[in-house]
């Protein structure tokens, strides 16, 4: 597996942005360390281009005929390497050097074939899809590892997804037959789509939280539907008012405090608030959507069950930065070989992250899906979040988007980032250095 060519650009006219992206890809495809004949494109566009999604895909397929299969979606922002295009026209495209037998593009129009053994999957989903959490859990159950990564389309107009897979017939890389796509256009709305990976595709993925708890974790002891009535046997509304140090006798002050407060939910047996006071990877952050003063209940944006645990929390820049550094460090530690050549060691120790060769850390490419509430100034300035990742991982090929919800494991998250890297086997990494 070689480095994945990638490109990104912004321009009021999508044709100009596409031209810039294609020029970057073609230049990289001539370099020895980059893939010359990638077969899969991961395409992310901002919602400024959403109504032109079909024209964009058609154009890219014509200009890049070697790329047979496509997946992606729309976000209010897109990410690429150390840049983000947030709330402006933008396009990011990465071409994956993965054999066609090792993945399948899927959608509602083209379900996964029963004979394909999926290990994990990249998933894009329409946030308006009914019973979305159940569909995500069902998709995870169709993989051997139970691991999904991806996010929900975020668009102020058309919520488009890209899902196109050509049949194997007539392809140079074919080894087995597969059915052609039932989608004639490759652009669709609603439901789930994405790419399922076989066990031959090695990935390493981490979830980073963007909130910090402001209360201790408590057990939900009475609940109905979306409303929590008791926490540790105490009326939930009383607990909330006490933790926020406000009172309903001063409703304006209380409502202001509640609007800036979120809840972190954890299912029984999963990792909740850690000893350091940070949210664990299994915590699902949700909005408070209402209060019930009569029954002293707190309504949240998820169906809850008795026995789950809850901690009130708030968005935190410091917590987000610290947790992003943590996941990048974990990925680095897992991928860096135990024994390095002198040249590689110097490169990895260089003060400039881009001095590190991509394959020194065995990363062929990466996908980063971040919450739309984390982009832009939340990390201190434009592209700051992506620059943190580049500083930690080096100048790796990376694309992604800013979503209206993030998908990891079999959960739907909020205010998180999901960083996934495609890794090369150890023997390939050693031969490349």
Protein backbone atom coordinates (compact mmCIF):
# COMPACT_ATOMS: atom_id res chain seq x y z
CA UNK A 1 0.00 0.00 0.00
CA UNK A 2 1.41 3.37 -1.06
CA UNK A 3 0.53 6.87 0.10
CA UNK A 4 -2.96 8.01 -0.84
CA UNK A 5 -2.96 11.01 -3.21
CA UNK A 6 -5.20 13.81 -1.94
CA UNK A 7 -6.19 17.32 -2.90
CA UNK A 8 -8.27 20.18 -1.55
CA UNK A 9 -9.37 23.62 -2.71
CA UNK A 10 -11.89 26.42 -2.32
CA UNK A 11 -13.45 28.56 -5.04
CA UNK A 12 -16.89 30.09 -5.60
CA UNK A 13 -17.19 27.96 -8.75
CA UNK A 14 -16.95 24.22 -8.16
CA UNK A 15 -15.36 23.67 -11.58
CA UNK A 16 -12.36 25.76 -10.56
CA UNK A 17 -12.05 23.98 -7.19
CA UNK A 18 -12.26 20.60 -8.92
CA UNK A 19 -9.56 21.65 -11.37
CA UNK A 20 -7.21 22.59 -8.54
CA UNK A 21 -7.90 19.32 -6.72
CA UNK A 22 -7.32 17.22 -9.84
CA UNK A 23 -4.03 19.02 -10.53
CA UNK A 24 -2.80 18.18 -7.02
CA UNK A 25 -3.82 14.53 -7.40
CA UNK A 26 -2.18 14.10 -10.78
CA UNK A 27 1.06 15.63 -9.52
CA UNK A 28 1.16 13.31 -6.49
CA UNK A 29 0.35 10.23 -8.57
CA UNK A 30 3.65 10.70 -10.42
CA UNK A 31 5.68 10.54 -7.20
CA UNK A 32 7.33 7.19 -6.34
CA UNK A 33 5.88 6.91 -2.81
CA UNK A 34 2.32 7.71 -3.90
CA UNK A 35 -0.23 5.39 -5.48
CA UNK A 36 -0.30 5.67 -9.28
CA UNK A 37 -3.51 3.68 -9.85
CA UNK A 38 -5.83 4.14 -6.85
CA UNK A 39 -9.30 2.65 -7.26
CA UNK A 40 -11.41 4.34 -4.55
CA UNK A 41 -12.15 8.04 -4.06
CA UNK A 42 -13.35 9.56 -0.77
CA UNK A 43 -15.01 12.86 -1.65
CA UNK A 44 -16.21 15.53 0.76
CA UNK A 45 -17.75 18.85 -0.28
CA UNK A 46 -19.21 21.72 1.70
CA UNK A 47 -22.91 22.47 1.42
CA UNK A 48 -22.14 25.44 -0.82
CA UNK A 49 -21.64 22.84 -3.57
CA UNK A 50 -24.43 20.48 -2.46
CA UNK A 51 -26.82 21.23 -5.33
CA UNK A 52 -23.99 20.50 -7.77
CA UNK A 53 -23.12 17.14 -6.18
CA UNK A 54 -24.13 15.12 -9.24
CA UNK A 55 -22.24 17.36 -11.66
CA UNK A 56 -19.15 17.23 -9.43
CA UNK A 57 -19.13 13.44 -9.23
CA UNK A 58 -19.71 13.08 -12.97
CA UNK A 59 -16.86 15.48 -13.71
CA UNK A 60 -14.43 13.75 -11.36
CA UNK A 61 -15.24 10.33 -12.77
CA UNK A 62 -14.53 11.61 -16.26
CA UNK A 63 -11.27 13.31 -15.29
CA UNK A 64 -10.04 10.42 -13.10
CA UNK A 65 -11.08 7.29 -15.02
CA UNK A 66 -8.71 5.05 -13.05
CA UNK A 67 -10.81 5.70 -9.94
CA UNK A 68 -13.70 3.27 -10.29
CA UNK A 69 -15.50 3.64 -6.97
CA UNK A 70 -16.62 6.64 -4.92
CA UNK A 71 -17.95 7.43 -1.45
CA UNK A 72 -18.43 10.60 0.58
CA UNK A 73 -20.89 13.22 1.69
CA UNK A 74 -21.58 16.89 2.43
CA UNK A 75 -20.53 18.90 5.50
CA UNK A 76 -20.76 22.49 6.64
CA UNK A 77 -16.99 22.25 6.44
CA UNK A 78 -14.40 19.92 4.97
CA UNK A 79 -10.97 19.00 6.30
CA UNK A 80 -7.71 18.23 4.52
CA UNK A 81 -4.30 17.79 6.11
CA UNK A 82 -3.73 21.04 8.05
CA UNK A 83 -6.56 23.06 6.48
CA UNK A 84 -10.27 23.35 6.99
CA UNK A 85 -12.83 25.02 4.74
CA UNK A 86 -15.59 25.94 7.14
CA UNK A 87 -18.75 27.77 6.11
CA UNK A 88 -17.29 28.44 2.65
CA UNK A 89 -17.07 26.59 -0.69
CA UNK A 90 -14.68 23.69 -0.30
CA UNK A 91 -13.76 20.28 -1.66
CA UNK A 92 -11.45 17.54 -0.35
CA UNK A 93 -10.69 14.30 -2.16
CA UNK A 94 -8.43 11.37 -1.28
CA UNK A 95 -7.71 8.42 -3.59
CA UNK A 96 -7.20 5.19 -1.68
CA UNK A 97 -4.63 2.62 -2.79
CA UNK A 98 -6.69 -0.39 -1.70
CA UNK A 99 -7.35 -3.46 -3.87
CA UNK A 100 -10.94 -3.62 -5.07
CA UNK A 101 -11.43 -7.07 -3.53
CA UNK A 102 -10.82 -5.58 -0.08
CA UNK A 103 -13.80 -3.21 0.09
CA UNK A 104 -17.38 -2.70 -1.02
CA UNK A 105 -19.24 0.57 -1.45
CA UNK A 106 -22.75 0.25 -0.07
CA UNK A 107 -25.96 2.28 0.16
CA UNK A 108 -29.70 1.74 0.33
CA UNK A 109 -29.63 1.24 -3.44
CA UNK A 110 -26.75 -1.24 -3.18
CA UNK A 111 -26.68 -3.24 0.06
CA UNK A 112 -23.61 -5.17 1.07
CA UNK A 113 -23.49 -8.52 -0.71
CA UNK A 114 -23.91 -11.42 1.71
CA UNK A 115 -20.65 -13.07 0.59
CA UNK A 116 -18.49 -10.07 1.53
CA UNK A 117 -17.02 -10.43 5.00
CA UNK A 118 -16.76 -6.89 6.37
CA UNK A 119 -14.34 -6.23 9.21
CA UNK A 120 -15.20 -2.54 9.69
CA UNK A 121 -16.91 0.25 7.75
CA UNK A 122 -16.80 3.95 6.95
CA UNK A 123 -20.38 5.20 7.28
CA UNK A 124 -22.12 8.38 6.11
CA UNK A 125 -25.73 8.94 7.14
CA UNK A 126 -28.58 11.38 6.62
CA UNK A 127 -29.48 12.89 10.03
CA UNK A 128 -33.20 12.89 9.08
CA UNK A 129 -33.27 9.12 8.69
CA UNK A 130 -35.82 7.53 11.07
CA UNK A 131 -34.44 5.22 13.78
CA UNK A 132 -30.92 6.22 12.82
CA UNK A 133 -29.26 4.95 16.01
CA UNK A 134 -30.79 1.52 15.45
CA UNK A 135 -29.62 1.46 11.82
CA UNK A 136 -26.07 2.34 12.90
CA UNK A 137 -26.10 -0.44 15.50
CA UNK A 138 -27.43 -2.88 12.90
CA UNK A 139 -24.69 -1.89 10.45
CA UNK A 140 -22.07 -2.44 13.14
CA UNK A 141 -23.47 -5.91 13.76
CA UNK A 142 -22.82 -6.73 10.10
CA UNK A 143 -19.07 -6.31 10.63
CA UNK A 144 -16.79 -8.76 12.39
CA UNK A 145 -15.21 -6.15 14.65
CA UNK A 146 -18.42 -4.17 15.27
CA UNK A 147 -16.45 -1.02 14.48
CA UNK A 148 -17.81 1.84 12.36
CA UNK A 149 -16.34 5.29 11.80
CA UNK A 150 -17.83 8.26 9.98
CA UNK A 151 -20.50 10.87 10.54
CA UNK A 152 -23.82 12.46 9.66
CA UNK A 153 -24.22 14.72 6.66
CA UNK A 154 -24.32 18.40 7.68
CA UNK A 155 -25.99 20.67 5.14
CA UNK A 156 -28.19 23.74 5.09
CA UNK A 157 -29.71 22.58 1.82
CA UNK A 158 -29.32 19.21 0.05
CA UNK A 159 -28.07 16.36 2.27
CA UNK A 160 -26.29 14.45 -0.47
CA UNK A 161 -24.18 11.32 -0.16
CA UNK A 162 -21.82 9.82 -2.74
CA UNK A 163 -21.93 6.05 -3.25
CA UNK A 164 -20.82 4.57 -6.54
CA UNK A 165 -19.27 1.21 -7.26
CA UNK A 166 -18.59 -0.14 -10.73
CA UNK A 167 -18.93 -3.86 -11.43
CA UNK A 168 -15.75 -5.89 -11.59
CA UNK A 169 -16.38 -6.85 -15.19
CA UNK A 170 -13.88 -5.13 -17.44
CA UNK A 171 -11.65 -3.96 -14.60
CA UNK A 172 -7.96 -4.70 -14.53
CA UNK A 173 -8.05 -5.40 -10.79
CA UNK A 174 -10.94 -7.86 -10.80
CA UNK A 175 -10.64 -11.28 -9.26
CA UNK A 176 -14.27 -12.05 -8.52
CA UNK A 177 -17.59 -10.96 -9.95
CA UNK A 178 -19.85 -8.52 -8.19
CA UNK A 179 -23.19 -7.03 -9.09
CA UNK A 180 -23.42 -3.54 -10.57
CA UNK A 181 -24.84 -0.70 -8.52
CA UNK A 182 -28.59 -0.17 -8.57
CA UNK A 183 -27.96 3.59 -8.28
CA UNK A 184 -27.58 5.10 -11.74
CA UNK A 185 -26.20 8.41 -10.51
CA UNK A 186 -23.98 7.71 -7.50
CA UNK A 187 -25.59 10.59 -5.57
CA UNK A 188 -28.36 9.83 -3.10
CA UNK A 189 -30.17 11.18 -0.05
CA UNK A 190 -31.49 9.45 3.04
CA UNK A 191 -30.30 6.37 4.89
CA UNK A 192 -26.76 5.09 5.22
CA UNK A 193 -23.95 4.70 2.72
CA UNK A 194 -20.21 4.22 2.84
CA UNK A 195 -17.45 1.67 2.40
CA UNK A 196 -17.11 -1.69 4.13
CA UNK A 197 -13.55 -2.96 4.56
CA UNK A 198 -12.28 -6.51 4.67
CA UNK A 199 -9.83 -7.68 7.33
CA UNK A 200 -7.02 -7.03 4.84
CA UNK A 201 -7.52 -3.26 5.30
CA UNK A 202 -5.73 -2.26 8.48
CA UNK A 203 -7.12 0.76 10.30
CA UNK A 204 -6.47 2.41 13.64
CA UNK A 205 -9.20 4.68 14.98
CA UNK A 206 -9.77 6.85 18.04
CA UNK A 207 -12.56 9.07 19.41
CA UNK A 208 -11.74 12.43 20.98
CA UNK A 209 -14.23 14.19 23.25
CA UNK A 210 -14.86 17.92 23.17
CA UNK A 211 -16.61 18.41 26.51
CA UNK A 212 -15.66 18.26 30.17
CA UNK A 213 -17.88 17.08 33.05
CA UNK A 214 -19.09 19.69 35.51
CA UNK A 215 -20.64 17.16 37.89
CA UNK A 216 -19.99 13.71 39.21
CA UNK A 217 -21.41 10.73 37.36
CA UNK A 218 -24.76 9.43 38.62
CA UNK A 219 -26.96 6.45 37.89
CA UNK A 220 -30.33 6.94 36.21
CA UNK A 221 -32.79 5.36 38.62
CA UNK A 222 -36.08 6.48 37.03
CA UNK A 223 -36.75 7.42 33.42
CA UNK A 224 -39.38 7.22 30.72
CA UNK A 225 -38.64 7.73 27.04
CA UNK A 226 -36.49 10.83 26.71
CA UNK A 227 -37.16 12.12 30.23
CA UNK A 228 -35.00 11.41 33.27
CA UNK A 229 -36.87 11.68 36.56
CA UNK A 230 -34.36 10.48 39.14
CA UNK A 231 -30.58 10.34 39.45
CA UNK A 232 -29.29 8.23 42.33
CA UNK A 233 -32.82 8.34 43.71
CA UNK A 234 -32.95 12.16 43.73
CA UNK A 235 -35.26 14.19 41.43
CA UNK A 236 -33.25 14.89 38.27
CA UNK A 237 -34.27 18.55 38.01
CA UNK A 238 -33.15 19.18 41.60
CA UNK A 239 -29.79 17.58 40.82
CA UNK A 240 -29.37 19.72 37.72
CA UNK A 241 -30.22 22.96 39.54
CA UNK A 242 -27.85 22.06 42.37
CA UNK A 243 -24.96 21.20 40.03
CA UNK A 244 -25.45 24.45 38.10
CA UNK A 245 -25.90 26.43 41.32
CA UNK A 246 -29.07 28.08 40.03
CA UNK A 247 -32.75 28.05 41.02
CA UNK A 248 -36.04 28.10 39.15
CA UNK A 249 -37.04 30.99 41.38
CA UNK A 250 -34.76 32.99 39.05
CA UNK A 251 -35.89 31.44 35.75
CA UNK A 252 -33.86 33.60 33.36
CA UNK A 253 -30.58 32.83 35.09
CA UNK A 254 -31.50 29.14 35.35
CA UNK A 255 -32.45 28.81 31.67
CA UNK A 256 -29.25 30.54 30.57
CA UNK A 257 -27.21 28.04 32.57
CA UNK A 258 -29.22 25.07 31.27
CA UNK A 259 -28.79 26.13 27.62
CA UNK A 260 -25.02 25.90 27.96
CA UNK A 261 -25.20 22.50 29.65
CA UNK A 262 -25.10 19.08 27.99
CA UNK A 263 -25.36 15.55 29.33
CA UNK A 264 -22.89 12.74 28.92
CA UNK A 265 -24.57 9.31 28.81
CA UNK A 266 -22.84 6.00 29.38
CA UNK A 267 -24.38 2.56 29.06
CA UNK A 268 -23.88 0.01 31.82
CA UNK A 269 -20.47 -1.63 31.71
CA UNK A 270 -18.88 1.03 29.50
CA UNK A 271 -16.26 3.68 30.20
CA UNK A 272 -17.76 6.87 31.63
CA UNK A 273 -16.10 9.74 33.49
CA UNK A 274 -12.51 8.78 34.22
CA UNK A 275 -10.50 9.29 37.37
CA UNK A 276 -8.91 12.38 35.84
CA UNK A 277 -12.33 13.95 35.38
CA UNK A 278 -12.41 13.51 31.61
CA UNK A 279 -15.13 11.87 29.52
CA UNK A 280 -14.42 8.30 28.47
CA UNK A 281 -14.62 7.14 24.86
CA UNK A 282 -18.03 5.51 25.39
CA UNK A 283 -19.71 8.70 26.64
CA UNK A 284 -22.39 10.04 24.29
CA UNK A 285 -22.98 13.77 24.64
CA UNK A 286 -26.57 14.93 24.15
CA UNK A 287 -28.55 18.17 24.44
CA UNK A 288 -31.02 19.00 27.18
CA UNK A 289 -34.26 19.64 25.27
CA UNK A 290 -36.71 20.42 28.07
CA UNK A 291 -37.54 20.59 31.77
CA UNK A 292 -40.58 19.20 33.60
CA UNK A 293 -40.99 21.26 36.79
CA UNK A 294 -44.15 19.38 37.83
CA UNK A 295 -42.47 15.96 37.91
CA UNK A 296 -38.95 17.37 38.29
CA UNK A 297 -37.75 15.70 35.12
CA UNK A 298 -35.03 16.59 32.60
CA UNK A 299 -35.64 15.72 28.94
CA UNK A 300 -32.66 14.98 26.70
CA UNK A 301 -32.21 14.27 23.00
CA UNK A 302 -32.01 10.49 23.34
CA UNK A 303 -34.11 7.65 24.64
CA UNK A 304 -32.71 6.69 28.04
CA UNK A 305 -32.80 3.55 30.12
CA UNK A 306 -32.71 2.96 33.85
CA UNK A 307 -29.22 1.83 34.81
CA UNK A 308 -27.37 4.12 32.44
CA UNK A 309 -25.04 6.70 33.96
CA UNK A 310 -25.13 10.45 33.43
CA UNK A 311 -22.85 13.40 34.04
CA UNK A 312 -23.66 17.01 33.22
CA UNK A 313 -20.99 18.60 31.05
CA UNK A 314 -20.09 21.64 28.96
CA UNK A 315 -17.99 22.29 25.88
CA UNK A 316 -14.39 22.92 26.85
CA UNK A 317 -11.56 24.14 24.64
CA UNK A 318 -8.89 22.92 27.05
CA UNK A 319 -10.49 19.48 27.36
CA UNK A 320 -10.84 19.22 23.59
CA UNK A 321 -7.20 20.12 22.98
CA UNK A 322 -5.93 17.74 25.66
CA UNK A 323 -8.02 14.84 24.38
CA UNK A 324 -7.02 15.47 20.76
CA UNK A 325 -3.36 15.36 21.80
CA UNK A 326 -4.07 12.12 23.68
CA UNK A 327 -5.52 10.23 20.72
CA UNK A 328 -2.77 11.41 18.39
CA UNK A 329 -0.15 10.27 20.90
CA UNK A 330 -1.85 6.87 21.19
CA UNK A 331 -1.82 6.43 17.42
CA UNK A 332 1.82 7.47 17.21
CA UNK A 333 2.86 5.11 19.98
CA UNK A 334 1.06 2.18 18.39
CA UNK A 335 2.47 2.76 14.92
CA UNK A 336 6.04 3.82 15.51
CA UNK A 337 8.34 0.81 15.14
CA UNK A 338 10.30 -0.25 18.20
CA UNK A 339 13.57 -0.08 16.29
CA UNK A 340 14.18 2.90 14.01
CA UNK A 341 16.93 3.64 11.55
CA UNK A 342 19.04 6.68 12.45
CA UNK A 343 17.57 8.63 9.54
CA UNK A 344 14.01 7.81 10.55
CA UNK A 345 14.63 8.63 14.20
CA UNK A 346 15.96 12.06 13.25
CA UNK A 347 12.92 12.66 11.04
CA UNK A 348 10.44 11.71 13.74
CA UNK A 349 12.26 13.87 16.27
CA UNK A 350 12.32 16.92 13.98
CA UNK A 351 10.65 20.05 15.26
CA UNK A 352 8.67 20.42 12.04
CA UNK A 353 5.99 17.72 11.80
CA UNK A 354 6.14 17.67 8.01
CA UNK A 355 9.77 16.51 8.20
CA UNK A 356 8.57 13.09 9.26
CA UNK A 357 8.11 10.71 6.32
CA UNK A 358 4.52 9.47 6.10
CA UNK A 359 5.49 5.83 6.09
CA UNK A 360 7.84 6.27 9.04
CA UNK A 361 4.65 6.04 11.04
CA UNK A 362 3.07 3.53 8.64
CA UNK A 363 0.18 5.86 7.74
CA UNK A 364 -0.96 5.71 4.12
CA UNK A 365 -3.89 8.05 4.66
CA UNK A 366 -6.38 9.29 7.24
CA UNK A 367 -10.02 10.34 7.60
CA UNK A 368 -11.08 12.85 10.25
CA UNK A 369 -14.73 13.53 11.06
CA UNK A 370 -15.30 16.35 13.52
CA UNK A 371 -18.44 17.88 14.98
CA UNK A 372 -19.57 21.09 13.30
CA UNK A 373 -19.60 22.63 16.78
CA UNK A 374 -15.83 22.08 17.11
CA UNK A 375 -14.67 23.76 13.90
CA UNK A 376 -13.34 27.23 13.30
CA UNK A 377 -12.70 29.38 16.37
CA UNK A 378 -13.47 26.65 18.94
CA UNK A 379 -9.80 25.57 18.78
CA UNK A 380 -8.49 29.10 18.77
CA UNK A 381 -8.48 30.01 15.08
CA UNK A 382 -9.09 28.83 11.51
CA UNK A 383 -7.75 25.32 10.86
CA UNK A 384 -6.37 25.07 14.40
CA UNK A 385 -7.89 21.64 15.00
CA UNK A 386 -6.34 20.22 11.83
CA UNK A 387 -3.00 21.84 12.61
CA UNK A 388 -2.93 20.02 15.96
CA UNK A 389 -3.35 16.71 14.14
CA UNK A 390 -0.65 17.52 11.60
CA UNK A 391 1.73 18.57 14.35
CA UNK A 392 1.21 15.22 16.07
CA UNK A 393 1.07 12.83 13.10
CA UNK A 394 3.13 14.61 10.47
CA UNK A 395 2.21 15.63 6.95
CA UNK A 396 -0.07 12.66 6.27
CA UNK A 397 -2.71 12.47 3.52
CA UNK A 398 -5.93 13.37 5.30
CA UNK A 399 -9.49 14.33 4.33
CA UNK A 400 -12.74 14.59 6.25
CA UNK A 401 -15.71 16.76 7.05
CA UNK A 402 -17.53 18.61 9.82
CA UNK A 403 -20.62 16.60 10.65
CA UNK A 404 -23.91 16.99 12.46
CA UNK A 405 -23.06 13.89 14.48
CA UNK A 406 -20.12 11.50 14.58
CA UNK A 407 -20.14 7.73 14.25
CA UNK A 408 -17.69 5.45 16.05
CA UNK A 409 -17.97 1.88 17.28
CA UNK A 410 -21.75 1.34 17.09
CA UNK A 411 -22.65 4.70 18.64
CA UNK A 412 -23.77 8.09 17.41
CA UNK A 413 -21.74 10.82 19.14
CA UNK A 414 -21.85 14.60 19.44
CA UNK A 415 -19.11 17.21 19.98
CA UNK A 416 -16.44 14.62 19.23
CA UNK A 417 -13.79 13.99 16.58
CA UNK A 418 -13.18 10.56 15.04
CA UNK A 419 -9.66 10.10 13.64
CA UNK A 420 -9.01 6.98 11.59
CA UNK A 421 -5.73 6.12 9.86
CA UNK A 422 -5.11 3.49 7.20
CA UNK A 423 -1.91 1.73 8.14
CA UNK A 424 0.67 -0.17 6.15
CA UNK A 425 2.05 -3.52 7.33
CA UNK A 426 5.33 -3.41 9.21
CA UNK A 427 7.25 -5.12 6.38
CA UNK A 428 6.00 -2.54 3.85
CA UNK A 429 7.00 0.30 6.15
CA UNK A 430 10.51 -1.09 6.58
CA UNK A 431 10.98 -1.47 2.84
CA UNK A 432 9.83 2.06 2.16
CA UNK A 433 12.22 3.78 4.56
